[in-house]
Structures are given as C-alpha cells and as structure tokens.
Amino acid sequence: MAARTRSSRADPSAPRRGGVATLSVVLGALSVLALPGVIAAAQLASTVTLLESVVIGVPTAVALALLALVAVRIARRRARRTLRPERMEATARLGRRLAALGLYLGITGSLALAFYLALKSAE
C-alpha cells in the first residue's frame, strides 16, 4: 500500500485519541457535574435563585446522561469489531458508570422539584 493507514502506526498499542468511548466519559462527567455546577452558580450569583438553577440543571443532567449512554452503546458496538477492545471497553464502562450516576442525580433532582412543587401548591 502506498499510503499509511490507521493500522500502520509505529506503535499499534498506543492509545487512540478521541473516540466515542472518550466522548461517553466526557458526557457522563458533565452530567454528574451539571447539578452541583448550577447549585454552585446559584450560590455565587445573586440574580439566580436556587429553584431556577435546579430547574435548569435537572433536565441538563438527564439529557447529558442519556447522550452519554447512547455514546456508550456506540462505543461498545465498535469495540466488538476491533482486535484489541480492552481499552475501549474499559473507557466505555467508565462512561456508563458516570452516565448512570448523572441519570441518578437528575432523577433525584426531579423528584425533589416535584415534591417542592407539591408542597408549595398545598399551601
């Protein structure tokens, strides 16, 4: 072959940069940090209330977690087609765990909002 291909790298065991598995980790980490981030922003900013920030943070955390789970699924499918799937599967596993934690935080935040609104309407 006249041109270099991806498999003709000098060190084939060197980790690839980027990829869907890495994207799943980034999206999962962002989903975990979304709710604490907006709560911290509400504490620092005097113009935003805690309720407003949680209303923004909860759907953001859930959406990022769901996107991370989609990326995990794609990464695991691609890992099945590679010769050395161990590294990609480990990264995808971390992304799946972070996405599950972000989804848990988002659902917990939505339950907290629902109970707050129910108590507020009962007054």
PDB file of N, CA and C in Angstrom:
ATOM      1  N   MET A   1       0.831  -1.170   0.000  1.00  0.00           N
ATOM      2  CA  MET A   1       0.000   0.000   0.000  1.00  0.00           C
ATOM      3  C   MET A   1       0.882   1.242   0.000  1.00  0.00           C
ATOM      4  N   ALA A   2       0.523   2.230  -0.762  1.00  0.00           N
ATOM      5  CA  ALA A   2       1.344   3.424  -0.887  1.00  0.00           C
ATOM      6  C   ALA A   2       1.105   4.404   0.247  1.00  0.00           C
ATOM      7  N   ALA A   3      -0.076   4.447   0.797  1.00  0.00           N
ATOM      8  CA  ALA A   3      -0.407   5.416   1.837  1.00  0.00           C
ATOM      9  C   ALA A   3      -0.487   4.722   3.194  1.00  0.00           C
ATOM     10  N   ARG A   4      -0.188   5.513   4.222  1.00  0.00           N
ATOM     11  CA  ARG A   4      -0.298   4.976   5.578  1.00  0.00           C
ATOM     12  C   ARG A   4      -1.763   4.849   5.967  1.00  0.00           C
ATOM     13  N   THR A   5      -2.076   3.795   6.664  1.00  0.00           N
ATOM     14  CA  THR A   5      -3.423   3.606   7.168  1.00  0.00           C
ATOM     15  C   THR A   5      -3.402   3.742   8.682  1.00  0.00           C
ATOM     16  N   ARG A   6      -4.560   3.712   9.288  1.00  0.00           N
ATOM     17  CA  ARG A   6      -4.636   3.837  10.733  1.00  0.00           C
ATOM     18  C   ARG A   6      -3.927   2.681  11.423  1.00  0.00           C
ATOM     19  N   SER A   7      -3.964   1.511  10.819  1.00  0.00           N
ATOM     20  CA  SER A   7      -3.350   0.349  11.437  1.00  0.00           C
ATOM     21  C   SER A   7      -1.846   0.285  11.205  1.00  0.00           C
ATOM     22  N   SER A   8      -1.288   1.183  10.406  1.00  0.00           N
ATOM     23  CA  SER A   8       0.146   1.145  10.154  1.00  0.00           C
ATOM     24  C   SER A   8       0.909   2.155  10.993  1.00  0.00           C
ATOM     25  N   ARG A   9       0.376   2.493  12.148  1.00  0.00           N
ATOM     26  CA  ARG A   9       1.083   3.392  13.051  1.00  0.00           C
ATOM     27  C   ARG A   9       2.342   2.713  13.562  1.00  0.00           C
ATOM     28  N   ALA A  10       3.300   3.496  14.004  1.00  0.00           N
ATOM     29  CA  ALA A  10       4.562   2.950  14.503  1.00  0.00           C
ATOM     30  C   ALA A  10       4.336   2.106  15.748  1.00  0.00           C
ATOM     31  N   ASP A  11       3.486   2.561  16.633  1.00  0.00           N
ATOM     32  CA  ASP A  11       3.202   1.831  17.868  1.00  0.00           C
ATOM     33  C   ASP A  11       1.711   1.508  17.902  1.00  0.00           C
ATOM     34  N   PRO A  12       1.319   0.306  17.496  1.00  0.00           N
ATOM     35  CA  PRO A  12      -0.111  -0.006  17.462  1.00  0.00           C
ATOM     36  C   PRO A  12      -0.747  -0.107  18.840  1.00  0.00           C
ATOM     37  N   SER A  13       0.065  -0.266  19.898  1.00  0.00           N
ATOM     38  CA  SER A  13      -0.519  -0.349  21.237  1.00  0.00           C
ATOM     39  C   SER A  13      -0.739   1.028  21.858  1.00  0.00           C
ATOM     40  N   ALA A  14      -0.307   2.088  21.171  1.00  0.00           N
ATOM     41  CA  ALA A  14      -0.513   3.437  21.695  1.00  0.00           C
ATOM     42  C   ALA A  14      -1.998   3.764  21.677  1.00  0.00           C
ATOM     43  N   PRO A  15      -2.456   4.455  22.707  1.00  0.00           N
ATOM     44  CA  PRO A  15      -3.891   4.741  22.760  1.00  0.00           C
ATOM     45  C   PRO A  15      -4.308   5.718  21.671  1.00  0.00           C
ATOM     46  N   ARG A  16      -5.485   5.474  21.130  1.00  0.00           N
ATOM     47  CA  ARG A  16      -6.044   6.393  20.150  1.00  0.00           C
ATOM     48  C   ARG A  16      -6.592   7.606  20.865  1.00  0.00           C
ATOM     49  N   ARG A  17      -6.506   8.723  20.215  1.00  0.00           N
ATOM     50  CA  ARG A  17      -7.084   9.926  20.791  1.00  0.00           C
ATOM     51  C   ARG A  17      -8.520  10.049  20.332  1.00  0.00           C
ATOM     52  N   GLY A  18      -9.334  10.639  21.186  1.00  0.00           N
ATOM     53  CA  GLY A  18     -10.725  10.852  20.824  1.00  0.00           C
ATOM     54  C   GLY A  18     -11.518   9.569  20.879  1.00  0.00           C
ATOM     55  N   GLY A  19     -12.514   9.505  20.063  1.00  0.00           N
ATOM     56  CA  GLY A  19     -13.339   8.314  20.002  1.00  0.00           C
ATOM     57  C   GLY A  19     -14.630   8.477  20.769  1.00  0.00           C
ATOM     58  N   VAL A  20     -15.532   7.587  20.486  1.00  0.00           N
ATOM     59  CA  VAL A  20     -16.861   7.651  21.100  1.00  0.00           C
ATOM     60  C   VAL A  20     -16.802   7.249  22.572  1.00  0.00           C
ATOM     61  N   ALA A  21     -15.892   6.344  22.923  1.00  0.00           N
ATOM     62  CA  ALA A  21     -15.775   5.946  24.324  1.00  0.00           C
ATOM     63  C   ALA A  21     -15.333   7.123  25.187  1.00  0.00           C
ATOM     64  N   THR A  22     -14.393   7.902  24.684  1.00  0.00           N
ATOM     65  CA  THR A  22     -13.957   9.084  25.414  1.00  0.00           C
ATOM     66  C   THR A  22     -15.075  10.110  25.489  1.00  0.00           C
ATOM     67  N   LEU A  23     -15.829  10.229  24.422  1.00  0.00           N
ATOM     68  CA  LEU A  23     -16.976  11.138  24.430  1.00  0.00           C
ATOM     69  C   LEU A  23     -17.990  10.724  25.491  1.00  0.00           C
ATOM     70  N   SER A  24     -18.186   9.425  25.671  1.00  0.00           N
ATOM     71  CA  SER A  24     -19.126   8.967  26.692  1.00  0.00           C
ATOM     72  C   SER A  24     -18.648   9.339  28.090  1.00  0.00           C
ATOM     73  N   VAL A  25     -17.344   9.279  28.319  1.00  0.00           N
ATOM     74  CA  VAL A  25     -16.809   9.670  29.631  1.00  0.00           C
ATOM     75  C   VAL A  25     -16.996  11.164  29.851  1.00  0.00           C
ATOM     76  N   VAL A  26     -16.725  11.961  28.825  1.00  0.00           N
ATOM     77  CA  VAL A  26     -16.880  13.415  28.955  1.00  0.00           C
ATOM     78  C   VAL A  26     -18.339  13.780  29.207  1.00  0.00           C
ATOM     79  N   LEU A  27     -19.248  13.196  28.428  1.00  0.00           N
ATOM     80  CA  LEU A  27     -20.670  13.483  28.621  1.00  0.00           C
ATOM     81  C   LEU A  27     -21.158  12.992  29.982  1.00  0.00           C
ATOM     82  N   GLY A  28     -20.680  11.828  30.418  1.00  0.00           N
ATOM     83  CA  GLY A  28     -21.064  11.319  31.735  1.00  0.00           C
ATOM     84  C   GLY A  28     -20.567  12.217  32.851  1.00  0.00           C
ATOM     85  N   ALA A  29     -19.324  12.689  32.730  1.00  0.00           N
ATOM     86  CA  ALA A  29     -18.784  13.584  33.754  1.00  0.00           C
ATOM     87  C   ALA A  29     -19.536  14.914  33.776  1.00  0.00           C
ATOM     88  N   LEU A  30     -19.895  15.420  32.598  1.00  0.00           N
ATOM     89  CA  LEU A  30     -20.672  16.657  32.547  1.00  0.00           C
ATOM     90  C   LEU A  30     -22.061  16.470  33.150  1.00  0.00           C
ATOM     91  N   SER A  31     -22.654  15.287  32.955  1.00  0.00           N
ATOM     92  CA  SER A  31     -23.974  15.045  33.544  1.00  0.00           C
ATOM     93  C   SER A  31     -23.894  14.972  35.059  1.00  0.00           C
ATOM     94  N   VAL A  32     -22.799  14.423  35.570  1.00  0.00           N
ATOM     95  CA  VAL A  32     -22.628  14.361  37.032  1.00  0.00           C
ATOM     96  C   VAL A  32     -22.391  15.760  37.597  1.00  0.00           C
ATOM     97  N   LEU A  33     -21.646  16.583  36.872  1.00  0.00           N
ATOM     98  CA  LEU A  33     -21.301  17.914  37.369  1.00  0.00           C
ATOM     99  C   LEU A  33     -22.353  18.975  37.068  1.00  0.00           C
ATOM    100  N   ALA A  34     -23.374  18.640  36.294  1.00  0.00           N
ATOM    101  CA  ALA A  34     -24.363  19.648  35.905  1.00  0.00           C
ATOM    102  C   ALA A  34     -25.134  20.185  37.104  1.00  0.00           C
ATOM    103  N   LEU A  35     -25.663  19.318  37.912  1.00  0.00           N
ATOM    104  CA  LEU A  35     -26.476  19.760  39.049  1.00  0.00           C
ATOM    105  C   LEU A  35     -25.645  20.475  40.121  1.00  0.00           C
ATOM    106  N   PRO A  36     -24.509  19.927  40.558  1.00  0.00           N
ATOM    107  CA  PRO A  36     -23.694  20.686  41.512  1.00  0.00           C
ATOM    108  C   PRO A  36     -23.189  22.009  40.932  1.00  0.00           C
ATOM    109  N   GLY A  37     -22.970  22.031  39.625  1.00  0.00           N
ATOM    110  CA  GLY A  37     -22.496  23.266  38.996  1.00  0.00           C
ATOM    111  C   GLY A  37     -23.528  24.372  39.027  1.00  0.00           C
ATOM    112  N   VAL A  38     -24.779  24.032  38.724  1.00  0.00           N
ATOM    113  CA  VAL A  38     -25.809  25.078  38.749  1.00  0.00           C
ATOM    114  C   VAL A  38     -26.151  25.489  40.181  1.00  0.00           C
ATOM    115  N   ILE A  39     -26.013  24.562  41.116  1.00  0.00           N
ATOM    116  CA  ILE A  39     -26.249  24.923  42.521  1.00  0.00           C
ATOM    117  C   ILE A  39     -25.152  25.870  43.004  1.00  0.00           C
ATOM    118  N   ALA A  40     -23.910  25.590  42.621  1.00  0.00           N
ATOM    119  CA  ALA A  40     -22.816  26.500  42.978  1.00  0.00           C
ATOM    120  C   ALA A  40     -22.990  27.853  42.303  1.00  0.00           C
ATOM    121  N   ALA A  41     -23.463  27.856  41.070  1.00  0.00           N
ATOM    122  CA  ALA A  41     -23.704  29.123  40.376  1.00  0.00           C
ATOM    123  C   ALA A  41     -24.797  29.928  41.075  1.00  0.00           C
ATOM    124  N   ALA A  42     -25.805  29.246  41.584  1.00  0.00           N
ATOM    125  CA  ALA A  42     -26.870  29.940  42.306  1.00  0.00           C
ATOM    126  C   ALA A  42     -26.346  30.529  43.614  1.00  0.00           C
ATOM    127  N   GLN A  43     -25.412  29.846  44.236  1.00  0.00           N
ATOM    128  CA  GLN A  43     -24.836  30.370  45.473  1.00  0.00           C
ATOM    129  C   GLN A  43     -23.965  31.598  45.216  1.00  0.00           C
ATOM    130  N   LEU A  44     -23.275  31.600  44.072  1.00  0.00           N
ATOM    131  CA  LEU A  44     -22.361  32.695  43.766  1.00  0.00           C
ATOM    132  C   LEU A  44     -23.064  33.896  43.132  1.00  0.00           C
ATOM    133  N   ALA A  45     -24.090  33.647  42.346  1.00  0.00           N
ATOM    134  CA  ALA A  45     -24.793  34.736  41.664  1.00  0.00           C
ATOM    135  C   ALA A  45     -25.992  35.175  42.493  1.00  0.00           C
ATOM    136  N   SER A  46     -26.141  36.455  42.641  1.00  0.00           N
ATOM    137  CA  SER A  46     -27.262  36.957  43.435  1.00  0.00           C
ATOM    138  C   SER A  46     -28.530  37.103  42.602  1.00  0.00           C
ATOM    139  N   THR A  47     -28.425  37.017  41.278  1.00  0.00           N
ATOM    140  CA  THR A  47     -29.602  37.207  40.428  1.00  0.00           C
ATOM    141  C   THR A  47     -30.353  35.906  40.148  1.00  0.00           C
ATOM    142  N   VAL A  48     -29.741  34.770  40.430  1.00  0.00           N
ATOM    143  CA  VAL A  48     -30.348  33.472  40.138  1.00  0.00           C
ATOM    144  C   VAL A  48     -30.699  32.786  41.454  1.00  0.00           C
ATOM    145  N   THR A  49     -31.931  32.315  41.564  1.00  0.00           N
ATOM    146  CA  THR A  49     -32.331  31.603  42.778  1.00  0.00           C
ATOM    147  C   THR A  49     -31.968  30.121  42.648  1.00  0.00           C
ATOM    148  N   LEU A  50     -31.998  29.455  43.770  1.00  0.00           N
ATOM    149  CA  LEU A  50     -31.691  28.031  43.783  1.00  0.00           C
ATOM    150  C   LEU A  50     -32.725  27.244  42.988  1.00  0.00           C
ATOM    151  N   LEU A  51     -33.981  27.606  43.110  1.00  0.00           N
ATOM    152  CA  LEU A  51     -35.041  26.910  42.384  1.00  0.00           C
ATOM    153  C   LEU A  51     -34.862  27.064  40.876  1.00  0.00           C
ATOM    154  N   GLU A  52     -34.553  28.267  40.417  1.00  0.00           N
ATOM    155  CA  GLU A  52     -34.334  28.488  38.981  1.00  0.00           C
ATOM    156  C   GLU A  52     -33.153  27.679  38.463  1.00  0.00           C
ATOM    157  N   SER A  53     -32.095  27.619  39.249  1.00  0.00           N
ATOM    158  CA  SER A  53     -30.919  26.886  38.795  1.00  0.00           C
ATOM    159  C   SER A  53     -31.173  25.378  38.754  1.00  0.00           C
ATOM    160  N   VAL A  54     -31.938  24.859  39.707  1.00  0.00           N
ATOM    161  CA  VAL A  54     -32.242  23.433  39.705  1.00  0.00           C
ATOM    162  C   VAL A  54     -33.182  23.086  38.551  1.00  0.00           C
ATOM    163  N   VAL A  55     -34.096  24.002  38.225  1.00  0.00           N
ATOM    164  CA  VAL A  55     -34.992  23.780  37.087  1.00  0.00           C
ATOM    165  C   VAL A  55     -34.185  23.678  35.785  1.00  0.00           C
ATOM    166  N   ILE A  56     -33.095  24.390  35.689  1.00  0.00           N
ATOM    167  CA  ILE A  56     -32.231  24.299  34.510  1.00  0.00           C
ATOM    168  C   ILE A  56     -31.306  23.078  34.601  1.00  0.00           C
ATOM    169  N   GLY A  57     -30.789  22.793  35.781  1.00  0.00           N
ATOM    170  CA  GLY A  57     -29.789  21.738  35.945  1.00  0.00           C
ATOM    171  C   GLY A  57     -30.313  20.326  35.822  1.00  0.00           C
ATOM    172  N   VAL A  58     -31.540  20.087  36.261  1.00  0.00           N
ATOM    173  CA  VAL A  58     -32.097  18.730  36.240  1.00  0.00           C
ATOM    174  C   VAL A  58     -32.252  18.204  34.815  1.00  0.00           C
ATOM    175  N   PRO A  59     -32.934  18.926  33.909  1.00  0.00           N
ATOM    176  CA  PRO A  59     -33.038  18.387  32.551  1.00  0.00           C
ATOM    177  C   PRO A  59     -31.703  18.335  31.825  1.00  0.00           C
ATOM    178  N   THR A  60     -30.802  19.246  32.178  1.00  0.00           N
ATOM    179  CA  THR A  60     -29.472  19.215  31.572  1.00  0.00           C
ATOM    180  C   THR A  60     -28.739  17.945  31.976  1.00  0.00           C
ATOM    181  N   ALA A  61     -28.787  17.594  33.249  1.00  0.00           N
ATOM    182  CA  ALA A  61     -28.109  16.385  33.726  1.00  0.00           C
ATOM    183  C   ALA A  61     -28.708  15.135  33.086  1.00  0.00           C
ATOM    184  N   VAL A  62     -30.028  15.081  32.982  1.00  0.00           N
ATOM    185  CA  VAL A  62     -30.683  13.912  32.386  1.00  0.00           C
ATOM    186  C   VAL A  62     -30.343  13.808  30.907  1.00  0.00           C
ATOM    187  N   ALA A  63     -30.380  14.930  30.194  1.00  0.00           N
ATOM    188  CA  ALA A  63     -30.084  14.904  28.757  1.00  0.00           C
ATOM    189  C   ALA A  63     -28.637  14.494  28.492  1.00  0.00           C
ATOM    190  N   LEU A  64     -27.708  15.033  29.269  1.00  0.00           N
ATOM    191  CA  LEU A  64     -26.304  14.656  29.087  1.00  0.00           C
ATOM    192  C   LEU A  64     -26.072  13.189  29.427  1.00  0.00           C
ATOM    193  N   ALA A  65     -26.750  12.691  30.451  1.00  0.00           N
ATOM    194  CA  ALA A  65     -26.606  11.284  30.815  1.00  0.00           C
ATOM    195  C   ALA A  65     -27.151  10.370  29.727  1.00  0.00           C
ATOM    196  N   LEU A  66     -28.281  10.743  29.138  1.00  0.00           N
ATOM    197  CA  LEU A  66     -28.841   9.925  28.063  1.00  0.00           C
ATOM    198  C   LEU A  66     -27.950   9.947  26.824  1.00  0.00           C
ATOM    199  N   LEU A  67     -27.374  11.111  26.516  1.00  0.00           N
ATOM    200  CA  LEU A  67     -26.423  11.187  25.394  1.00  0.00           C
ATOM    201  C   LEU A  67     -25.181  10.339  25.674  1.00  0.00           C
ATOM    202  N   ALA A  68     -24.735  10.339  26.926  1.00  0.00           N
ATOM    203  CA  ALA A  68     -23.584   9.512  27.285  1.00  0.00           C
ATOM    204  C   ALA A  68     -23.899   8.031  27.138  1.00  0.00           C
ATOM    205  N   LEU A  69     -25.115   7.635  27.500  1.00  0.00           N
ATOM    206  CA  LEU A  69     -25.497   6.230  27.339  1.00  0.00           C
ATOM    207  C   LEU A  69     -25.568   5.827  25.867  1.00  0.00           C
ATOM    208  N   VAL A  70     -26.008   6.743  25.020  1.00  0.00           N
ATOM    209  CA  VAL A  70     -26.001   6.459  23.581  1.00  0.00           C
ATOM    210  C   VAL A  70     -24.564   6.303  23.081  1.00  0.00           C
ATOM    211  N   ALA A  71     -23.682   7.176  23.549  1.00  0.00           N
ATOM    212  CA  ALA A  71     -22.270   7.086  23.148  1.00  0.00           C
ATOM    213  C   ALA A  71     -21.644   5.792  23.650  1.00  0.00           C
ATOM    214  N   VAL A  72     -22.015   5.352  24.841  1.00  0.00           N
ATOM    215  CA  VAL A  72     -21.506   4.081  25.376  1.00  0.00           C
ATOM    216  C   VAL A  72     -21.942   2.929  24.490  1.00  0.00           C
ATOM    217  N   ARG A  73     -23.185   2.958  24.083  1.00  0.00           N
ATOM    218  CA  ARG A  73     -23.693   1.881  23.233  1.00  0.00           C
ATOM    219  C   ARG A  73     -22.942   1.815  21.904  1.00  0.00           C
ATOM    220  N   ILE A  74     -22.697   2.970  21.312  1.00  0.00           N
ATOM    221  CA  ILE A  74     -21.941   3.013  20.057  1.00  0.00           C
ATOM    222  C   ILE A  74     -20.511   2.545  20.277  1.00  0.00           C
ATOM    223  N   ALA A  75     -19.893   2.973  21.385  1.00  0.00           N
ATOM    224  CA  ALA A  75     -18.513   2.587  21.672  1.00  0.00           C
ATOM    225  C   ALA A  75     -18.385   1.089  21.902  1.00  0.00           C
ATOM    226  N   ARG A  76     -19.340   0.497  22.601  1.00  0.00           N
ATOM    227  CA  ARG A  76     -19.280  -0.952  22.836  1.00  0.00           C
ATOM    228  C   ARG A  76     -19.483  -1.728  21.545  1.00  0.00           C
ATOM    229  N   ARG A  77     -20.326  -1.209  20.661  1.00  0.00           N
ATOM    230  CA  ARG A  77     -20.523  -1.856  19.365  1.00  0.00           C
ATOM    231  C   ARG A  77     -19.247  -1.782  18.531  1.00  0.00           C
ATOM    232  N   ARG A  78     -18.568  -0.636  18.586  1.00  0.00           N
ATOM    233  CA  ARG A  78     -17.304  -0.509  17.849  1.00  0.00           C
ATOM    234  C   ARG A  78     -16.203  -1.364  18.474  1.00  0.00           C
ATOM    235  N   ALA A  79     -16.240  -1.509  19.792  1.00  0.00           N
ATOM    236  CA  ALA A  79     -15.219  -2.309  20.472  1.00  0.00           C
ATOM    237  C   ALA A  79     -15.318  -3.778  20.084  1.00  0.00           C
ATOM    238  N   ARG A  80     -16.529  -4.242  19.803  1.00  0.00           N
ATOM    239  CA  ARG A  80     -16.692  -5.635  19.384  1.00  0.00           C
ATOM    240  C   ARG A  80     -16.044  -5.902  18.039  1.00  0.00           C
ATOM    241  N   ARG A  81     -15.855  -4.857  17.237  1.00  0.00           N
ATOM    242  CA  ARG A  81     -15.289  -5.035  15.907  1.00  0.00           C
ATOM    243  C   ARG A  81     -13.792  -4.777  15.843  1.00  0.00           C
ATOM    244  N   THR A  82     -13.145  -4.522  16.968  1.00  0.00           N
ATOM    245  CA  THR A  82     -11.708  -4.262  16.963  1.00  0.00           C
ATOM    246  C   THR A  82     -10.940  -5.490  17.428  1.00  0.00           C
ATOM    247  N   LEU A  83      -9.640  -5.456  17.177  1.00  0.00           N
ATOM    248  CA  LEU A  83      -8.797  -6.576  17.587  1.00  0.00           C
ATOM    249  C   LEU A  83      -8.424  -6.508  19.059  1.00  0.00           C
ATOM    250  N   ARG A  84      -8.300  -5.309  19.588  1.00  0.00           N
ATOM    251  CA  ARG A  84      -7.943  -5.119  20.992  1.00  0.00           C
ATOM    252  C   ARG A  84      -8.991  -4.236  21.664  1.00  0.00           C
ATOM    253  N   PRO A  85     -10.100  -4.819  22.080  1.00  0.00           N
ATOM    254  CA  PRO A  85     -11.195  -3.995  22.616  1.00  0.00           C
ATOM    255  C   PRO A  85     -11.054  -3.633  24.089  1.00  0.00           C
ATOM    256  N   GLU A  86     -10.021  -4.109  24.769  1.00  0.00           N
ATOM    257  CA  GLU A  86      -9.952  -3.950  26.226  1.00  0.00           C
ATOM    258  C   GLU A  86      -9.969  -2.489  26.650  1.00  0.00           C
ATOM    259  N   ARG A  87      -9.139  -1.679  26.018  1.00  0.00           N
ATOM    260  CA  ARG A  87      -9.028  -0.281  26.430  1.00  0.00           C
ATOM    261  C   ARG A  87     -10.322   0.480  26.130  1.00  0.00           C
ATOM    262  N   MET A  88     -10.898   0.227  24.962  1.00  0.00           N
ATOM    263  CA  MET A  88     -12.131   0.911  24.594  1.00  0.00           C
ATOM    264  C   MET A  88     -13.278   0.471  25.493  1.00  0.00           C
ATOM    265  N   GLU A  89     -13.331  -0.806  25.829  1.00  0.00           N
ATOM    266  CA  GLU A  89     -14.389  -1.287  26.712  1.00  0.00           C
ATOM    267  C   GLU A  89     -14.257  -0.726  28.115  1.00  0.00           C
ATOM    268  N   ALA A  90     -13.027  -0.576  28.597  1.00  0.00           N
ATOM    269  CA  ALA A  90     -12.820  -0.007  29.928  1.00  0.00           C
ATOM    270  C   ALA A  90     -13.256   1.454  29.957  1.00  0.00           C
ATOM    271  N   THR A  91     -12.943   2.188  28.912  1.00  0.00           N
ATOM    272  CA  THR A  91     -13.366   3.586  28.840  1.00  0.00           C
ATOM    273  C   THR A  91     -14.879   3.683  28.742  1.00  0.00           C
ATOM    274  N   ALA A  92     -15.487   2.820  27.934  1.00  0.00           N
ATOM    275  CA  ALA A  92     -16.939   2.819  27.805  1.00  0.00           C
ATOM    276  C   ALA A  92     -17.607   2.429  29.119  1.00  0.00           C
ATOM    277  N   ARG A  93     -16.992   1.524  29.866  1.00  0.00           N
ATOM    278  CA  ARG A  93     -17.535   1.118  31.170  1.00  0.00           C
ATOM    279  C   ARG A  93     -17.537   2.308  32.141  1.00  0.00           C
ATOM    280  N   LEU A  94     -16.444   3.080  32.127  1.00  0.00           N
ATOM    281  CA  LEU A  94     -16.392   4.279  32.963  1.00  0.00           C
ATOM    282  C   LEU A  94     -17.450   5.287  32.526  1.00  0.00           C
ATOM    283  N   GLY A  95     -17.625   5.451  31.215  1.00  0.00           N
ATOM    284  CA  GLY A  95     -18.655   6.353  30.716  1.00  0.00           C
ATOM    285  C   GLY A  95     -20.041   5.914  31.128  1.00  0.00           C
ATOM    286  N   ARG A  96     -20.283   4.590  31.101  1.00  0.00           N
ATOM    287  CA  ARG A  96     -21.590   4.076  31.507  1.00  0.00           C
ATOM    288  C   ARG A  96     -21.843   4.330  32.992  1.00  0.00           C
ATOM    289  N   ARG A  97     -20.829   4.166  33.813  1.00  0.00           N
ATOM    290  CA  ARG A  97     -21.000   4.403  35.254  1.00  0.00           C
ATOM    291  C   ARG A  97     -21.253   5.877  35.553  1.00  0.00           C
ATOM    292  N   LEU A  98     -20.507   6.754  34.868  1.00  0.00           N
ATOM    293  CA  LEU A  98     -20.728   8.182  35.063  1.00  0.00           C
ATOM    294  C   LEU A  98     -22.109   8.598  34.561  1.00  0.00           C
ATOM    295  N   ALA A  99     -22.530   8.026  33.438  1.00  0.00           N
ATOM    296  CA  ALA A  99     -23.865   8.340  32.910  1.00  0.00           C
ATOM    297  C   ALA A  99     -24.956   7.859  33.861  1.00  0.00           C
ATOM    298  N   ALA A 100     -24.772   6.693  34.441  1.00  0.00           N
ATOM    299  CA  ALA A 100     -25.762   6.178  35.396  1.00  0.00           C
ATOM    300  C   ALA A 100     -25.832   7.072  36.632  1.00  0.00           C
ATOM    301  N   LEU A 101     -24.679   7.538  37.103  1.00  0.00           N
ATOM    302  CA  LEU A 101     -24.666   8.444  38.253  1.00  0.00           C
ATOM    303  C   LEU A 101     -25.327   9.772  37.899  1.00  0.00           C
ATOM    304  N   GLY A 102     -25.049  10.298  36.706  1.00  0.00           N
ATOM    305  CA  GLY A 102     -25.682  11.540  36.273  1.00  0.00           C
ATOM    306  C   GLY A 102     -27.185  11.387  36.128  1.00  0.00           C
ATOM    307  N   LEU A 103     -27.613  10.243  35.609  1.00  0.00           N
ATOM    308  CA  LEU A 103     -29.047   9.974  35.484  1.00  0.00           C
ATOM    309  C   LEU A 103     -29.697   9.863  36.864  1.00  0.00           C
ATOM    310  N   TYR A 104     -29.006   9.216  37.787  1.00  0.00           N
ATOM    311  CA  TYR A 104     -29.496   9.104  39.162  1.00  0.00           C
ATOM    312  C   TYR A 104     -29.654  10.485  39.794  1.00  0.00           C
ATOM    313  N   LEU A 105     -28.641  11.342  39.616  1.00  0.00           N
ATOM    314  CA  LEU A 105     -28.724  12.687  40.176  1.00  0.00           C
ATOM    315  C   LEU A 105     -29.848  13.491  39.529  1.00  0.00           C
ATOM    316  N   GLY A 106     -30.021  13.334  38.230  1.00  0.00           N
ATOM    317  CA  GLY A 106     -31.090  14.049  37.547  1.00  0.00           C
ATOM    318  C   GLY A 106     -32.466  13.601  37.988  1.00  0.00           C
ATOM    319  N   ILE A 107     -32.649  12.302  38.140  1.00  0.00           N
ATOM    320  CA  ILE A 107     -33.952  11.784  38.595  1.00  0.00           C
ATOM    321  C   ILE A 107     -34.208  12.196  40.039  1.00  0.00           C
ATOM    322  N   THR A 108     -33.182  12.145  40.872  1.00  0.00           N
ATOM    323  CA  THR A 108     -33.336  12.581  42.259  1.00  0.00           C
ATOM    324  C   THR A 108     -33.683  14.062  42.321  1.00  0.00           C
ATOM    325  N   GLY A 109     -33.035  14.866  41.491  1.00  0.00           N
ATOM    326  CA  GLY A 109     -33.362  16.293  41.440  1.00  0.00           C
ATOM    327  C   GLY A 109     -34.765  16.547  40.952  1.00  0.00           C
ATOM    328  N   SER A 110     -35.224  15.753  39.989  1.00  0.00           N
ATOM    329  CA  SER A 110     -36.597  15.940  39.506  1.00  0.00           C
ATOM    330  C   SER A 110     -37.611  15.540  40.571  1.00  0.00           C
ATOM    331  N   LEU A 111     -37.308  14.513  41.335  1.00  0.00           N
ATOM    332  CA  LEU A 111     -38.197  14.146  42.452  1.00  0.00           C
ATOM    333  C   LEU A 111     -38.228  15.245  43.514  1.00  0.00           C
ATOM    334  N   ALA A 112     -37.078  15.839  43.782  1.00  0.00           N
ATOM    335  CA  ALA A 112     -37.033  16.933  44.751  1.00  0.00           C
ATOM    336  C   ALA A 112     -37.853  18.121  44.261  1.00  0.00           C
ATOM    337  N   LEU A 113     -37.758  18.423  42.975  1.00  0.00           N
ATOM    338  CA  LEU A 113     -38.567  19.506  42.413  1.00  0.00           C
ATOM    339  C   LEU A 113     -40.060  19.186  42.480  1.00  0.00           C
ATOM    340  N   ALA A 114     -40.411  17.946  42.182  1.00  0.00           N
ATOM    341  CA  ALA A 114     -41.822  17.552  42.210  1.00  0.00           C
ATOM    342  C   ALA A 114     -42.394  17.673  43.618  1.00  0.00           C
ATOM    343  N   PHE A 115     -41.643  17.208  44.612  1.00  0.00           N
ATOM    344  CA  PHE A 115     -42.129  17.320  45.990  1.00  0.00           C
ATOM    345  C   PHE A 115     -42.210  18.778  46.438  1.00  0.00           C
ATOM    346  N   TYR A 116     -41.243  19.588  46.012  1.00  0.00           N
ATOM    347  CA  TYR A 116     -41.283  21.009  46.360  1.00  0.00           C
ATOM    348  C   TYR A 116     -42.522  21.665  45.768  1.00  0.00           C
ATOM    349  N   LEU A 117     -42.799  21.385  44.501  1.00  0.00           N
ATOM    350  CA  LEU A 117     -43.961  21.985  43.849  1.00  0.00           C
ATOM    351  C   LEU A 117     -45.266  21.470  44.474  1.00  0.00           C
ATOM    352  N   ALA A 118     -45.297  20.198  44.871  1.00  0.00           N
ATOM    353  CA  ALA A 118     -46.498  19.665  45.512  1.00  0.00           C
ATOM    354  C   ALA A 118     -46.721  20.331  46.864  1.00  0.00           C
ATOM    355  N   LEU A 119     -45.660  20.511  47.631  1.00  0.00           N
ATOM    356  CA  LEU A 119     -45.806  21.182  48.924  1.00  0.00           C
ATOM    357  C   LEU A 119     -46.142  22.659  48.757  1.00  0.00           C
ATOM    358  N   LYS A 120     -45.587  23.283  47.745  1.00  0.00           N
ATOM    359  CA  LYS A 120     -45.846  24.700  47.504  1.00  0.00           C
ATOM    360  C   LYS A 120     -47.304  24.908  47.089  1.00  0.00           C
ATOM    361  N   SER A 121     -47.846  24.000  46.280  1.00  0.00           N
ATOM    362  CA  SER A 121     -49.233  24.152  45.839  1.00  0.00           C
ATOM    363  C   SER A 121     -50.226  23.808  46.957  1.00  0.00           C
ATOM    364  N   ALA A 122     -49.787  23.033  47.950  1.00  0.00           N
ATOM    365  CA  ALA A 122     -50.664  22.678  49.063  1.00  0.00           C
ATOM    366  C   ALA A 122     -50.817  23.814  50.058  1.00  0.00           C
ATOM    367  N   GLU A 123     -49.947  24.784  49.998  1.00  0.00           N
ATOM    368  CA  GLU A 123     -50.020  25.917  50.949  1.00  0.00           C
ATOM    369  C   GLU A 123     -51.185  26.810  50.693  1.00  0.00           C
TER     370      GLU A 123
END
